[in-house]
N, C-alpha and C. Protein backbone atom coordinates (compact mmCIF):
# COMPACT_ATOMS: atom_id res chain seq x y z
N UNK A 1 -8.08 13.19 8.27
CA UNK A 1 -7.80 11.85 7.80
C UNK A 1 -6.36 11.50 8.14
N UNK A 2 -6.14 10.31 8.71
CA UNK A 2 -4.77 9.94 9.09
C UNK A 2 -3.91 9.60 7.88
N UNK A 3 -2.64 9.95 7.99
CA UNK A 3 -1.67 9.62 6.95
C UNK A 3 -0.79 8.50 7.48
N UNK A 4 -0.54 7.50 6.64
CA UNK A 4 0.19 6.31 7.04
C UNK A 4 1.41 6.14 6.13
N UNK A 5 2.56 5.87 6.72
CA UNK A 5 3.77 5.58 5.95
C UNK A 5 3.81 4.09 5.64
N UNK A 6 4.08 3.76 4.37
CA UNK A 6 4.13 2.38 3.93
C UNK A 6 5.46 2.08 3.27
N UNK A 7 5.81 0.83 3.28
CA UNK A 7 6.93 0.31 2.48
C UNK A 7 6.32 -0.78 1.61
N UNK A 8 6.40 -0.63 0.31
CA UNK A 8 5.79 -1.57 -0.63
C UNK A 8 6.86 -2.54 -1.14
N UNK A 9 6.52 -3.82 -1.14
CA UNK A 9 7.40 -4.85 -1.68
C UNK A 9 6.68 -5.47 -2.88
N UNK A 10 7.02 -4.99 -4.10
CA UNK A 10 6.38 -5.54 -5.30
C UNK A 10 6.95 -6.91 -5.65
N UNK A 11 6.24 -7.63 -6.49
CA UNK A 11 6.63 -8.97 -6.96
C UNK A 11 6.83 -9.94 -5.81
N UNK A 12 6.03 -9.82 -4.76
CA UNK A 12 6.10 -10.74 -3.63
C UNK A 12 5.40 -12.05 -4.00
N UNK A 13 5.59 -13.06 -3.18
CA UNK A 13 4.95 -14.36 -3.45
C UNK A 13 3.45 -14.32 -3.24
N UNK A 14 3.02 -13.50 -2.28
CA UNK A 14 1.58 -13.39 -2.01
C UNK A 14 1.28 -11.98 -1.51
N UNK A 15 0.01 -11.59 -1.63
CA UNK A 15 -0.42 -10.29 -1.13
C UNK A 15 -0.65 -10.40 0.37
N UNK A 16 0.03 -9.55 1.13
CA UNK A 16 -0.18 -9.52 2.58
C UNK A 16 0.32 -8.20 3.13
N UNK A 17 -0.16 -7.88 4.33
CA UNK A 17 0.24 -6.66 5.02
C UNK A 17 0.83 -7.06 6.36
N UNK A 18 2.04 -6.57 6.63
CA UNK A 18 2.70 -6.87 7.90
C UNK A 18 3.15 -5.56 8.54
N UNK A 19 3.47 -5.64 9.83
CA UNK A 19 3.97 -4.48 10.56
C UNK A 19 5.31 -4.84 11.20
N UNK A 20 6.30 -4.00 10.99
CA UNK A 20 7.61 -4.20 11.58
C UNK A 20 7.59 -3.82 13.05
N UNK A 21 8.65 -4.15 13.75
CA UNK A 21 8.77 -3.81 15.17
C UNK A 21 8.78 -2.30 15.39
N UNK A 22 9.30 -1.54 14.42
CA UNK A 22 9.33 -0.09 14.56
C UNK A 22 8.04 0.58 14.12
N UNK A 23 7.04 -0.20 13.74
CA UNK A 23 5.74 0.35 13.36
C UNK A 23 5.54 0.60 11.89
N UNK A 24 6.54 0.31 11.08
CA UNK A 24 6.41 0.49 9.63
C UNK A 24 5.48 -0.57 9.07
N UNK A 25 4.53 -0.14 8.26
CA UNK A 25 3.62 -1.07 7.61
C UNK A 25 4.23 -1.48 6.28
N UNK A 26 4.36 -2.78 6.07
CA UNK A 26 4.88 -3.32 4.81
C UNK A 26 3.73 -3.97 4.06
N UNK A 27 3.59 -3.57 2.80
CA UNK A 27 2.54 -4.13 1.95
C UNK A 27 3.23 -4.96 0.87
N UNK A 28 3.06 -6.27 0.95
CA UNK A 28 3.64 -7.20 -0.02
C UNK A 28 2.61 -7.40 -1.13
N UNK A 29 3.02 -7.15 -2.36
CA UNK A 29 2.12 -7.18 -3.51
C UNK A 29 2.73 -8.07 -4.58
N UNK A 30 1.91 -8.92 -5.20
CA UNK A 30 2.40 -9.80 -6.27
C UNK A 30 2.57 -9.05 -7.58
N UNK A 31 1.93 -7.92 -7.74
CA UNK A 31 2.00 -7.15 -8.99
C UNK A 31 3.37 -6.52 -9.17
N UNK A 32 3.74 -6.36 -10.43
CA UNK A 32 4.99 -5.70 -10.77
C UNK A 32 4.77 -4.19 -10.80
N UNK A 33 5.82 -3.41 -10.53
CA UNK A 33 5.68 -1.95 -10.54
C UNK A 33 5.72 -1.38 -11.96
N UNK A 34 4.76 -1.76 -12.76
CA UNK A 34 4.70 -1.33 -14.16
C UNK A 34 3.33 -0.71 -14.42
N UNK A 35 3.32 0.49 -15.01
CA UNK A 35 2.08 1.19 -15.39
C UNK A 35 1.10 1.34 -14.24
N UNK A 36 1.59 1.51 -13.02
CA UNK A 36 0.71 1.74 -11.88
C UNK A 36 0.02 0.51 -11.34
N UNK A 37 0.39 -0.68 -11.81
CA UNK A 37 -0.26 -1.91 -11.36
C UNK A 37 -0.02 -2.16 -9.87
N UNK A 38 1.19 -1.88 -9.40
CA UNK A 38 1.49 -2.10 -7.98
C UNK A 38 0.73 -1.10 -7.11
N UNK A 39 0.60 0.15 -7.56
CA UNK A 39 -0.16 1.13 -6.78
C UNK A 39 -1.62 0.72 -6.68
N UNK A 40 -2.20 0.24 -7.77
CA UNK A 40 -3.58 -0.24 -7.73
C UNK A 40 -3.72 -1.42 -6.77
N UNK A 41 -2.75 -2.31 -6.79
CA UNK A 41 -2.79 -3.47 -5.90
C UNK A 41 -2.64 -3.06 -4.44
N UNK A 42 -1.81 -2.05 -4.19
CA UNK A 42 -1.65 -1.54 -2.82
C UNK A 42 -2.97 -0.98 -2.31
N UNK A 43 -3.64 -0.20 -3.13
CA UNK A 43 -4.93 0.39 -2.73
C UNK A 43 -5.96 -0.70 -2.47
N UNK A 44 -6.01 -1.71 -3.34
CA UNK A 44 -6.95 -2.82 -3.14
C UNK A 44 -6.65 -3.56 -1.84
N UNK A 45 -5.38 -3.83 -1.57
CA UNK A 45 -5.00 -4.57 -0.36
C UNK A 45 -5.33 -3.77 0.90
N UNK A 46 -5.04 -2.47 0.88
CA UNK A 46 -5.36 -1.63 2.04
C UNK A 46 -6.86 -1.53 2.27
N UNK A 47 -7.62 -1.40 1.20
CA UNK A 47 -9.08 -1.32 1.31
C UNK A 47 -9.64 -2.59 1.93
N UNK A 48 -9.11 -3.73 1.51
CA UNK A 48 -9.58 -5.00 2.06
C UNK A 48 -9.15 -5.15 3.52
N UNK A 49 -7.93 -4.78 3.83
CA UNK A 49 -7.40 -4.93 5.19
C UNK A 49 -8.12 -4.03 6.20
N UNK A 50 -8.37 -2.77 5.82
CA UNK A 50 -8.99 -1.81 6.73
C UNK A 50 -10.50 -1.71 6.57
N UNK A 51 -11.08 -2.49 5.64
CA UNK A 51 -12.53 -2.52 5.41
C UNK A 51 -13.08 -1.13 5.08
N UNK A 52 -12.44 -0.48 4.11
CA UNK A 52 -12.91 0.83 3.63
C UNK A 52 -13.00 0.77 2.10
N UNK A 53 -13.79 1.64 1.48
CA UNK A 53 -13.85 1.67 0.01
C UNK A 53 -12.53 2.10 -0.61
N UNK A 54 -12.22 1.53 -1.75
CA UNK A 54 -10.97 1.88 -2.46
C UNK A 54 -10.93 3.37 -2.80
N UNK A 55 -12.07 3.95 -3.08
CA UNK A 55 -12.11 5.36 -3.49
C UNK A 55 -11.71 6.30 -2.35
N UNK A 56 -11.71 5.82 -1.11
CA UNK A 56 -11.36 6.66 0.04
C UNK A 56 -9.86 6.66 0.35
N UNK A 57 -9.09 5.80 -0.32
CA UNK A 57 -7.66 5.69 -0.08
C UNK A 57 -6.92 6.44 -1.17
N UNK A 58 -6.01 7.32 -0.76
CA UNK A 58 -5.26 8.13 -1.72
C UNK A 58 -3.78 8.03 -1.42
N UNK A 59 -2.97 7.89 -2.47
CA UNK A 59 -1.52 7.93 -2.31
C UNK A 59 -1.11 9.40 -2.38
N UNK A 60 -0.62 9.91 -1.26
CA UNK A 60 -0.26 11.33 -1.15
C UNK A 60 1.14 11.56 -1.73
N UNK A 61 2.07 10.67 -1.38
CA UNK A 61 3.46 10.84 -1.79
C UNK A 61 4.06 9.48 -2.11
N UNK A 62 4.92 9.42 -3.12
CA UNK A 62 5.63 8.19 -3.43
C UNK A 62 5.00 7.35 -4.52
N UNK A 63 4.37 7.98 -5.50
CA UNK A 63 3.74 7.24 -6.60
C UNK A 63 4.72 6.28 -7.27
N UNK A 64 5.97 6.69 -7.42
CA UNK A 64 6.95 5.86 -8.12
C UNK A 64 8.02 5.31 -7.18
N UNK A 65 7.76 5.35 -5.89
CA UNK A 65 8.73 4.90 -4.89
C UNK A 65 8.17 3.72 -4.11
N UNK A 66 9.05 2.97 -3.48
CA UNK A 66 8.60 1.89 -2.60
C UNK A 66 8.07 2.46 -1.28
N UNK A 67 8.59 3.61 -0.89
CA UNK A 67 8.12 4.28 0.32
C UNK A 67 6.99 5.22 -0.06
N UNK A 68 5.83 5.02 0.54
CA UNK A 68 4.66 5.81 0.18
C UNK A 68 4.01 6.40 1.42
N UNK A 69 3.30 7.48 1.24
CA UNK A 69 2.45 8.05 2.27
C UNK A 69 1.03 7.96 1.74
N UNK A 70 0.16 7.31 2.50
CA UNK A 70 -1.21 7.06 2.07
C UNK A 70 -2.17 7.69 3.06
N UNK A 71 -3.23 8.26 2.53
CA UNK A 71 -4.27 8.86 3.37
C UNK A 71 -5.43 7.88 3.47
N UNK A 72 -5.80 7.55 4.70
CA UNK A 72 -6.91 6.63 4.97
C UNK A 72 -8.05 7.39 5.63
N UNK A 73 -9.28 6.93 5.46
CA UNK A 73 -10.42 7.60 6.12
C UNK A 73 -10.48 7.28 7.61
């Protein structure tokens, strides 16, 4: 399963996924980073973007950080 490095931007104006010129994936989330709400929103956004079930996406590293490593199917 591939591992993807992400940069999460919580409290954004809208939910969207962008890619920087250096290949970093940025996930903009409207949720605040409180009680895991932003992590749940990141998983939902990735599942919708990559058309995979939410249960198949796992946060490997960075539960409490803006920089995360996520495992995708």
